Amino acid sequence: MKKTVCFLIIITLFISCKQVSKQKENPETPSAASIEAPITTSLYEDLEGNPISLSDYKGKKILLNFWATWCKPCLAEMPSLLKSQTILEKENFVFLLVSDQLVKKISNFKEKNDYNFNYIRTTAALSQLNIYALPTTFIYNEQGEKVDEITGAVEWDSDPIITKLKSIQ
């Protein structure tokens, strides 16, 4: 009985993994984020509940960092993200830290930590934005076009990352 259950679990994992890789192999297929979340759609709100649209920031470069209070890699990258924000403030960047958690949870985190970020919430499920891991960061150019996506924690104040962000057109 145990062998049968183990065999079924292994087969299920194998099939699941294979489906994920097939989905990523087809670059011609538009992502869910590009279909359901164009920059002009308001999927965000500030901590007071006011709707925010990324188009409000058109003319600026946007670093949109998706995070959560329970996400250890998200918290680990915050000091370097804060340094990067300071370094890039003259480069026409706006940093937005986005969570799908309750406003109370985000506000409590903001009060307990000394990070000067613009915290916002998403009103969409992360899966609707094609986000399946945290932290994930979307980078938009001044025309509002998504030009990069980074999944995983980053040393945001490292020379290669700063150089990359400064070169965003």
N, C-alpha and C. Protein backbone atom coordinates (compact mmCIF):
# COMPACT_ATOMS: atom_id res chain seq x y z
N MET A 1 0.83 -1.21 0.00
CA MET A 1 0.00 0.00 0.00
C MET A 1 0.87 1.26 0.00
N LYS A 2 1.91 1.27 0.86
CA LYS A 2 2.80 2.44 0.94
C LYS A 2 3.52 2.65 -0.39
N LYS A 3 3.93 1.57 -1.04
CA LYS A 3 4.63 1.69 -2.31
C LYS A 3 3.71 2.29 -3.37
N THR A 4 2.44 1.90 -3.37
CA THR A 4 1.48 2.42 -4.34
C THR A 4 1.27 3.92 -4.12
N VAL A 5 1.12 4.34 -2.87
CA VAL A 5 0.91 5.75 -2.55
C VAL A 5 2.15 6.56 -2.95
N CYS A 6 3.34 6.06 -2.63
CA CYS A 6 4.57 6.75 -3.02
C CYS A 6 4.69 6.87 -4.53
N PHE A 7 4.35 5.79 -5.23
CA PHE A 7 4.42 5.78 -6.68
C PHE A 7 3.46 6.83 -7.26
N LEU A 8 2.24 6.91 -6.72
CA LEU A 8 1.26 7.88 -7.20
C LEU A 8 1.72 9.32 -6.93
N ILE A 9 2.34 9.54 -5.78
CA ILE A 9 2.84 10.88 -5.46
C ILE A 9 3.95 11.27 -6.43
N ILE A 10 4.86 10.35 -6.69
CA ILE A 10 5.98 10.63 -7.60
C ILE A 10 5.46 10.92 -9.00
N ILE A 11 4.51 10.14 -9.48
CA ILE A 11 3.94 10.35 -10.81
C ILE A 11 3.24 11.71 -10.86
N THR A 12 2.49 12.05 -9.82
CA THR A 12 1.79 13.33 -9.78
C THR A 12 2.79 14.48 -9.82
N LEU A 13 3.85 14.41 -9.04
CA LEU A 13 4.88 15.45 -9.05
C LEU A 13 5.54 15.55 -10.41
N PHE A 14 5.84 14.42 -11.02
CA PHE A 14 6.48 14.41 -12.33
C PHE A 14 5.60 15.09 -13.37
N ILE A 15 4.33 14.77 -13.37
CA ILE A 15 3.40 15.35 -14.33
C ILE A 15 3.23 16.84 -14.06
N SER A 16 3.11 17.24 -12.79
CA SER A 16 2.95 18.65 -12.44
C SER A 16 4.16 19.46 -12.89
N CYS A 17 5.34 18.96 -12.62
CA CYS A 17 6.56 19.68 -13.01
C CYS A 17 6.66 19.79 -14.52
N LYS A 18 6.29 18.75 -15.21
CA LYS A 18 6.37 18.75 -16.66
C LYS A 18 5.43 19.80 -17.26
N GLN A 19 4.23 19.97 -16.65
CA GLN A 19 3.28 20.96 -17.15
C GLN A 19 3.81 22.37 -16.95
N VAL A 20 4.46 22.63 -15.83
CA VAL A 20 5.00 23.95 -15.58
C VAL A 20 6.06 24.30 -16.61
N SER A 21 6.94 23.36 -16.90
CA SER A 21 8.00 23.66 -17.87
C SER A 21 7.44 23.86 -19.28
N LYS A 22 6.39 23.13 -19.63
CA LYS A 22 5.78 23.32 -20.95
C LYS A 22 5.23 24.72 -21.08
N GLN A 23 4.63 25.23 -20.00
CA GLN A 23 4.04 26.56 -20.04
C GLN A 23 5.12 27.61 -20.27
N LYS A 24 6.29 27.45 -19.67
CA LYS A 24 7.34 28.43 -19.80
C LYS A 24 8.08 28.34 -21.14
N GLU A 25 7.98 27.23 -21.84
CA GLU A 25 8.70 27.04 -23.08
C GLU A 25 8.14 27.84 -24.24
N ASN A 26 6.89 28.27 -24.17
CA ASN A 26 6.24 28.94 -25.28
C ASN A 26 6.27 30.46 -25.08
N PRO A 27 7.29 31.14 -25.62
CA PRO A 27 7.38 32.58 -25.43
C PRO A 27 6.35 33.36 -26.24
N GLU A 28 5.69 32.72 -27.18
CA GLU A 28 4.71 33.39 -28.02
C GLU A 28 3.40 33.68 -27.26
N THR A 29 3.14 32.89 -26.20
CA THR A 29 1.90 33.02 -25.46
C THR A 29 1.97 34.24 -24.57
N PRO A 30 1.02 35.15 -24.66
CA PRO A 30 1.06 36.33 -23.79
C PRO A 30 0.84 35.92 -22.33
N SER A 31 1.52 36.58 -21.43
CA SER A 31 1.38 36.24 -20.01
C SER A 31 0.06 36.77 -19.49
N ALA A 32 -0.38 36.17 -18.39
CA ALA A 32 -1.62 36.62 -17.76
C ALA A 32 -1.49 38.06 -17.31
N ALA A 33 -0.30 38.47 -16.88
CA ALA A 33 -0.10 39.85 -16.43
C ALA A 33 -0.32 40.82 -17.58
N SER A 34 0.12 40.48 -18.79
CA SER A 34 -0.04 41.40 -19.91
C SER A 34 -1.48 41.44 -20.39
N ILE A 35 -2.23 40.38 -20.17
CA ILE A 35 -3.63 40.35 -20.60
C ILE A 35 -4.52 41.01 -19.55
N GLU A 36 -4.30 40.65 -18.27
CA GLU A 36 -5.23 41.07 -17.23
C GLU A 36 -4.76 42.29 -16.46
N ALA A 37 -3.48 42.66 -16.58
CA ALA A 37 -2.99 43.74 -15.74
C ALA A 37 -2.18 44.77 -16.53
N PRO A 38 -2.76 45.37 -17.54
CA PRO A 38 -2.01 46.42 -18.23
C PRO A 38 -1.76 47.57 -17.26
N ILE A 39 -0.77 48.37 -17.56
CA ILE A 39 -0.37 49.42 -16.64
C ILE A 39 -1.48 50.43 -16.36
N THR A 40 -2.47 50.52 -17.23
CA THR A 40 -3.54 51.49 -17.04
C THR A 40 -4.66 50.96 -16.14
N THR A 41 -4.64 49.69 -15.79
CA THR A 41 -5.69 49.12 -14.95
C THR A 41 -5.36 49.35 -13.48
N SER A 42 -6.33 49.78 -12.71
CA SER A 42 -6.11 50.02 -11.29
C SER A 42 -6.32 48.72 -10.51
N LEU A 43 -5.22 48.06 -10.21
CA LEU A 43 -5.25 46.84 -9.41
C LEU A 43 -4.68 47.06 -8.03
N TYR A 44 -4.46 48.33 -7.69
CA TYR A 44 -3.76 48.65 -6.46
C TYR A 44 -4.51 49.72 -5.68
N GLU A 45 -4.20 49.76 -4.38
CA GLU A 45 -4.76 50.81 -3.53
C GLU A 45 -3.74 51.17 -2.47
N ASP A 46 -3.83 52.41 -1.98
CA ASP A 46 -2.94 52.80 -0.90
C ASP A 46 -3.49 52.23 0.41
N LEU A 47 -2.80 52.48 1.50
CA LEU A 47 -3.22 51.88 2.78
C LEU A 47 -4.47 52.54 3.35
N GLU A 48 -4.94 53.60 2.72
CA GLU A 48 -6.21 54.23 3.11
C GLU A 48 -7.36 53.71 2.25
N GLY A 49 -7.08 52.85 1.29
CA GLY A 49 -8.11 52.28 0.44
C GLY A 49 -8.36 53.05 -0.84
N ASN A 50 -7.56 54.09 -1.10
CA ASN A 50 -7.72 54.87 -2.33
C ASN A 50 -7.12 54.12 -3.51
N PRO A 51 -7.84 54.04 -4.63
CA PRO A 51 -7.30 53.32 -5.79
C PRO A 51 -6.05 54.00 -6.35
N ILE A 52 -5.12 53.18 -6.78
CA ILE A 52 -3.88 53.65 -7.40
C ILE A 52 -3.75 52.93 -8.72
N SER A 53 -3.35 53.65 -9.73
CA SER A 53 -3.05 53.05 -11.02
C SER A 53 -1.59 53.30 -11.32
N LEU A 54 -0.93 52.32 -11.90
CA LEU A 54 0.46 52.53 -12.27
C LEU A 54 0.59 53.65 -13.30
N SER A 55 -0.47 53.89 -14.05
CA SER A 55 -0.43 54.99 -15.01
C SER A 55 -0.31 56.35 -14.31
N ASP A 56 -0.63 56.40 -13.02
CA ASP A 56 -0.42 57.62 -12.25
C ASP A 56 1.05 58.00 -12.20
N TYR A 57 1.93 57.03 -12.41
CA TYR A 57 3.37 57.23 -12.33
C TYR A 57 4.03 57.28 -13.71
N LYS A 58 3.22 57.38 -14.76
CA LYS A 58 3.78 57.46 -16.11
C LYS A 58 4.72 58.66 -16.18
N GLY A 59 5.85 58.44 -16.84
CA GLY A 59 6.88 59.46 -16.86
C GLY A 59 7.96 59.19 -15.82
N LYS A 60 7.72 58.19 -14.99
CA LYS A 60 8.70 57.76 -13.99
C LYS A 60 9.03 56.29 -14.24
N LYS A 61 10.19 55.90 -13.82
CA LYS A 61 10.56 54.48 -13.81
C LYS A 61 9.99 53.90 -12.52
N ILE A 62 9.38 52.74 -12.63
CA ILE A 62 8.72 52.12 -11.47
C ILE A 62 9.40 50.81 -11.12
N LEU A 63 9.75 50.65 -9.85
CA LEU A 63 10.20 49.37 -9.32
C LEU A 63 9.07 48.90 -8.42
N LEU A 64 8.35 47.87 -8.87
CA LEU A 64 7.16 47.35 -8.20
C LEU A 64 7.55 46.03 -7.55
N ASN A 65 7.77 46.06 -6.23
CA ASN A 65 8.27 44.90 -5.51
C ASN A 65 7.13 44.23 -4.74
N PHE A 66 6.81 42.99 -5.11
CA PHE A 66 5.77 42.22 -4.43
C PHE A 66 6.41 41.46 -3.28
N TRP A 67 5.85 41.60 -2.10
CA TRP A 67 6.44 41.05 -0.89
C TRP A 67 5.33 40.66 0.08
N ALA A 68 5.72 40.08 1.22
CA ALA A 68 4.78 39.76 2.29
C ALA A 68 5.51 39.81 3.63
N THR A 69 4.78 40.10 4.68
CA THR A 69 5.39 40.20 6.01
C THR A 69 5.95 38.86 6.49
N TRP A 70 5.42 37.77 6.00
CA TRP A 70 5.87 36.43 6.41
C TRP A 70 7.02 35.91 5.55
N CYS A 71 7.38 36.61 4.52
CA CYS A 71 8.37 36.16 3.54
C CYS A 71 9.79 36.56 3.98
N LYS A 72 10.56 35.61 4.45
CA LYS A 72 11.92 35.90 4.94
C LYS A 72 12.83 36.48 3.86
N PRO A 73 12.85 35.94 2.63
CA PRO A 73 13.68 36.58 1.59
C PRO A 73 13.25 38.02 1.29
N CYS A 74 11.95 38.29 1.37
CA CYS A 74 11.45 39.65 1.15
C CYS A 74 12.02 40.60 2.21
N LEU A 75 11.98 40.15 3.45
CA LEU A 75 12.47 40.98 4.55
C LEU A 75 13.98 41.14 4.48
N ALA A 76 14.67 40.09 4.05
CA ALA A 76 16.13 40.13 3.96
C ALA A 76 16.61 41.14 2.92
N GLU A 77 15.84 41.34 1.84
CA GLU A 77 16.28 42.27 0.80
C GLU A 77 15.89 43.72 1.08
N MET A 78 15.07 43.96 2.08
CA MET A 78 14.59 45.33 2.33
C MET A 78 15.69 46.34 2.63
N PRO A 79 16.71 46.03 3.43
CA PRO A 79 17.76 47.04 3.65
C PRO A 79 18.46 47.46 2.34
N SER A 80 18.78 46.50 1.48
CA SER A 80 19.43 46.86 0.21
C SER A 80 18.45 47.56 -0.73
N LEU A 81 17.18 47.22 -0.65
CA LEU A 81 16.15 47.89 -1.46
C LEU A 81 16.03 49.36 -1.04
N LEU A 82 16.10 49.60 0.27
CA LEU A 82 16.04 50.96 0.78
C LEU A 82 17.25 51.78 0.32
N LYS A 83 18.44 51.17 0.37
CA LYS A 83 19.65 51.85 -0.11
C LYS A 83 19.54 52.17 -1.60
N SER A 84 19.03 51.21 -2.35
CA SER A 84 18.85 51.41 -3.79
C SER A 84 17.87 52.55 -4.06
N GLN A 85 16.82 52.61 -3.30
CA GLN A 85 15.84 53.69 -3.46
C GLN A 85 16.53 55.04 -3.26
N THR A 86 17.39 55.14 -2.27
CA THR A 86 18.11 56.38 -2.00
C THR A 86 19.07 56.70 -3.15
N ILE A 87 19.80 55.69 -3.62
CA ILE A 87 20.76 55.88 -4.72
C ILE A 87 20.05 56.34 -5.99
N LEU A 88 18.86 55.80 -6.25
CA LEU A 88 18.16 56.05 -7.51
C LEU A 88 17.13 57.17 -7.45
N GLU A 89 17.05 57.88 -6.34
CA GLU A 89 16.02 58.92 -6.24
C GLU A 89 16.19 60.02 -7.28
N LYS A 90 17.41 60.27 -7.74
CA LYS A 90 17.65 61.29 -8.77
C LYS A 90 17.56 60.72 -10.18
N GLU A 91 17.26 59.44 -10.29
CA GLU A 91 17.15 58.76 -11.59
C GLU A 91 15.70 58.60 -12.04
N ASN A 92 14.79 59.35 -11.42
CA ASN A 92 13.37 59.34 -11.80
C ASN A 92 12.67 58.01 -11.48
N PHE A 93 13.10 57.34 -10.41
CA PHE A 93 12.50 56.09 -9.98
C PHE A 93 11.49 56.31 -8.87
N VAL A 94 10.44 55.52 -8.89
CA VAL A 94 9.53 55.42 -7.76
C VAL A 94 9.51 53.94 -7.36
N PHE A 95 9.65 53.69 -6.06
CA PHE A 95 9.63 52.34 -5.52
C PHE A 95 8.27 52.12 -4.86
N LEU A 96 7.58 51.07 -5.26
CA LEU A 96 6.30 50.71 -4.67
C LEU A 96 6.40 49.29 -4.15
N LEU A 97 6.13 49.10 -2.86
CA LEU A 97 6.15 47.77 -2.27
C LEU A 97 4.72 47.29 -2.15
N VAL A 98 4.42 46.21 -2.85
CA VAL A 98 3.04 45.72 -2.98
C VAL A 98 2.86 44.41 -2.22
N SER A 99 1.78 44.35 -1.46
CA SER A 99 1.43 43.12 -0.76
C SER A 99 -0.05 42.83 -0.99
N ASP A 100 -0.40 41.57 -0.88
CA ASP A 100 -1.82 41.21 -0.97
C ASP A 100 -2.40 40.97 0.42
N GLN A 101 -1.63 41.30 1.44
CA GLN A 101 -2.09 41.10 2.81
C GLN A 101 -3.06 42.20 3.22
N LEU A 102 -3.67 42.01 4.38
CA LEU A 102 -4.61 43.01 4.90
C LEU A 102 -3.89 44.30 5.22
N VAL A 103 -4.58 45.41 5.08
CA VAL A 103 -4.02 46.73 5.35
C VAL A 103 -3.47 46.77 6.79
N LYS A 104 -4.18 46.18 7.72
CA LYS A 104 -3.75 46.19 9.13
C LYS A 104 -2.39 45.52 9.28
N LYS A 105 -2.19 44.42 8.59
CA LYS A 105 -0.92 43.68 8.66
C LYS A 105 0.22 44.52 8.08
N ILE A 106 -0.03 45.14 6.93
CA ILE A 106 0.99 45.98 6.29
C ILE A 106 1.28 47.20 7.17
N SER A 107 0.24 47.83 7.70
CA SER A 107 0.41 49.01 8.55
C SER A 107 1.20 48.67 9.82
N ASN A 108 0.91 47.53 10.42
CA ASN A 108 1.66 47.10 11.61
C ASN A 108 3.13 46.91 11.27
N PHE A 109 3.40 46.30 10.13
CA PHE A 109 4.79 46.11 9.70
C PHE A 109 5.46 47.47 9.50
N LYS A 110 4.77 48.37 8.85
CA LYS A 110 5.30 49.71 8.57
C LYS A 110 5.64 50.44 9.87
N GLU A 111 4.76 50.32 10.88
CA GLU A 111 4.98 50.99 12.16
C GLU A 111 6.17 50.40 12.92
N LYS A 112 6.38 49.10 12.81
CA LYS A 112 7.42 48.42 13.58
C LYS A 112 8.79 48.48 12.91
N ASN A 113 8.84 48.83 11.65
CA ASN A 113 10.10 48.83 10.90
C ASN A 113 10.38 50.22 10.34
N ASP A 114 11.64 50.54 10.29
CA ASP A 114 12.05 51.87 9.86
C ASP A 114 12.45 51.86 8.38
N TYR A 115 11.52 51.43 7.53
CA TYR A 115 11.76 51.43 6.09
C TYR A 115 10.86 52.48 5.47
N ASN A 116 11.46 53.45 4.84
CA ASN A 116 10.72 54.54 4.22
C ASN A 116 10.30 54.15 2.80
N PHE A 117 9.31 53.27 2.72
CA PHE A 117 8.80 52.82 1.43
C PHE A 117 7.38 53.31 1.22
N ASN A 118 6.97 53.32 -0.03
CA ASN A 118 5.59 53.59 -0.38
C ASN A 118 4.90 52.22 -0.46
N TYR A 119 4.20 51.85 0.61
CA TYR A 119 3.52 50.56 0.69
C TYR A 119 2.14 50.67 0.07
N ILE A 120 1.80 49.71 -0.79
CA ILE A 120 0.47 49.64 -1.36
C ILE A 120 -0.01 48.19 -1.33
N ARG A 121 -1.28 48.01 -1.60
CA ARG A 121 -1.88 46.67 -1.67
C ARG A 121 -2.32 46.39 -3.09
N THR A 122 -2.32 45.12 -3.42
CA THR A 122 -2.96 44.74 -4.68
C THR A 122 -4.36 44.24 -4.36
N THR A 123 -5.28 44.58 -5.20
CA THR A 123 -6.66 44.12 -5.04
C THR A 123 -6.89 42.84 -5.84
N ALA A 124 -5.87 42.42 -6.57
CA ALA A 124 -5.96 41.20 -7.38
C ALA A 124 -5.23 40.07 -6.65
N ALA A 125 -5.57 38.86 -7.01
CA ALA A 125 -4.80 37.72 -6.52
C ALA A 125 -3.44 37.74 -7.21
N LEU A 126 -2.40 37.37 -6.48
CA LEU A 126 -1.06 37.37 -7.08
C LEU A 126 -1.01 36.49 -8.33
N SER A 127 -1.76 35.41 -8.33
CA SER A 127 -1.76 34.52 -9.50
C SER A 127 -2.32 35.24 -10.73
N GLN A 128 -3.23 36.19 -10.55
CA GLN A 128 -3.75 36.96 -11.68
C GLN A 128 -2.66 37.82 -12.30
N LEU A 129 -1.67 38.17 -11.50
CA LEU A 129 -0.56 39.00 -11.97
C LEU A 129 0.61 38.13 -12.43
N ASN A 130 0.37 36.83 -12.45
CA ASN A 130 1.39 35.87 -12.88
C ASN A 130 2.57 35.84 -11.91
N ILE A 131 2.26 35.99 -10.63
CA ILE A 131 3.27 35.95 -9.57
C ILE A 131 3.04 34.68 -8.76
N TYR A 132 4.07 33.84 -8.73
CA TYR A 132 3.96 32.56 -8.05
C TYR A 132 5.05 32.37 -7.00
N ALA A 133 5.88 33.39 -6.81
CA ALA A 133 6.93 33.34 -5.79
C ALA A 133 7.19 34.76 -5.29
N LEU A 134 7.57 34.85 -4.03
CA LEU A 134 7.91 36.15 -3.45
C LEU A 134 9.35 36.11 -2.96
N PRO A 135 10.06 37.20 -3.05
CA PRO A 135 9.67 38.45 -3.70
C PRO A 135 9.74 38.34 -5.22
N THR A 136 8.91 39.09 -5.87
CA THR A 136 8.96 39.26 -7.33
C THR A 136 8.90 40.76 -7.59
N THR A 137 9.71 41.21 -8.52
CA THR A 137 9.79 42.64 -8.82
C THR A 137 9.56 42.87 -10.31
N PHE A 138 8.66 43.79 -10.61
CA PHE A 138 8.43 44.24 -11.98
C PHE A 138 9.07 45.61 -12.11
N ILE A 139 9.71 45.84 -13.24
CA ILE A 139 10.33 47.13 -13.50
C ILE A 139 9.73 47.70 -14.78
N TYR A 140 9.26 48.95 -14.67
CA TYR A 140 8.63 49.64 -15.79
C TYR A 140 9.48 50.84 -16.19
N ASN A 141 9.52 51.11 -17.48
CA ASN A 141 10.24 52.30 -17.96
C ASN A 141 9.33 53.53 -17.85
N GLU A 142 9.83 54.67 -18.28
CA GLU A 142 9.08 55.92 -18.17
C GLU A 142 7.84 55.97 -19.06
N GLN A 143 7.76 55.09 -20.05
CA GLN A 143 6.58 55.03 -20.92
C GLN A 143 5.52 54.08 -20.36
N GLY A 144 5.79 53.48 -19.21
CA GLY A 144 4.84 52.57 -18.59
C GLY A 144 4.93 51.15 -19.11
N GLU A 145 6.01 50.82 -19.82
CA GLU A 145 6.18 49.47 -20.37
C GLU A 145 6.97 48.62 -19.38
N LYS A 146 6.48 47.41 -19.14
CA LYS A 146 7.21 46.49 -18.27
C LYS A 146 8.45 46.02 -19.04
N VAL A 147 9.63 46.30 -18.47
CA VAL A 147 10.87 45.99 -19.16
C VAL A 147 11.67 44.87 -18.49
N ASP A 148 11.30 44.52 -17.27
CA ASP A 148 12.03 43.45 -16.59
C ASP A 148 11.16 42.87 -15.49
N GLU A 149 11.46 41.62 -15.16
CA GLU A 149 10.81 40.93 -14.05
C GLU A 149 11.88 40.10 -13.36
N ILE A 150 11.98 40.27 -12.06
CA ILE A 150 12.99 39.55 -11.28
C ILE A 150 12.27 38.78 -10.19
N THR A 151 12.50 37.47 -10.16
CA THR A 151 11.92 36.63 -9.12
C THR A 151 13.02 36.22 -8.17
N GLY A 152 12.77 36.42 -6.89
CA GLY A 152 13.74 36.08 -5.86
C GLY A 152 14.37 37.31 -5.27
N ALA A 153 15.03 37.10 -4.13
CA ALA A 153 15.68 38.21 -3.42
C ALA A 153 16.90 38.68 -4.19
N VAL A 154 17.17 39.97 -4.11
CA VAL A 154 18.26 40.60 -4.85
C VAL A 154 19.00 41.54 -3.90
N GLU A 155 20.28 41.70 -4.13
CA GLU A 155 21.05 42.75 -3.46
C GLU A 155 20.87 44.02 -4.28
N TRP A 156 19.84 44.77 -3.98
CA TRP A 156 19.42 45.89 -4.81
C TRP A 156 20.43 47.02 -4.88
N ASP A 157 21.32 47.10 -3.89
CA ASP A 157 22.30 48.18 -3.91
C ASP A 157 23.66 47.74 -4.47
N SER A 158 23.71 46.56 -5.06
CA SER A 158 24.96 46.09 -5.68
C SER A 158 25.22 46.88 -6.96
N ASP A 159 26.48 47.01 -7.31
CA ASP A 159 26.84 47.78 -8.51
C ASP A 159 26.16 47.26 -9.79
N PRO A 160 26.14 45.92 -10.02
CA PRO A 160 25.48 45.45 -11.26
C PRO A 160 23.99 45.80 -11.32
N ILE A 161 23.30 45.70 -10.19
CA ILE A 161 21.86 46.00 -10.19
C ILE A 161 21.63 47.51 -10.35
N ILE A 162 22.40 48.32 -9.66
CA ILE A 162 22.26 49.77 -9.81
C ILE A 162 22.53 50.18 -11.25
N THR A 163 23.58 49.63 -11.84
CA THR A 163 23.91 49.93 -13.25
C THR A 163 22.76 49.52 -14.16
N LYS A 164 22.21 48.33 -13.92
CA LYS A 164 21.09 47.82 -14.73
C LYS A 164 19.87 48.75 -14.60
N LEU A 165 19.55 49.15 -13.39
CA LEU A 165 18.39 50.01 -13.19
C LEU A 165 18.59 51.40 -13.79
N LYS A 166 19.79 51.92 -13.68
CA LYS A 166 20.08 53.24 -14.28
C LYS A 166 19.96 53.21 -15.79
N SER A 167 20.18 52.05 -16.38
CA SER A 167 20.16 51.95 -17.85
C SER A 167 18.76 51.69 -18.42
N ILE A 168 17.75 51.58 -17.58
CA ILE A 168 16.38 51.33 -18.04
C ILE A 168 15.95 52.49 -18.94
N GLN A 169 15.48 52.14 -20.14
CA GLN A 169 15.01 53.15 -21.10
C GLN A 169 13.52 53.03 -21.30
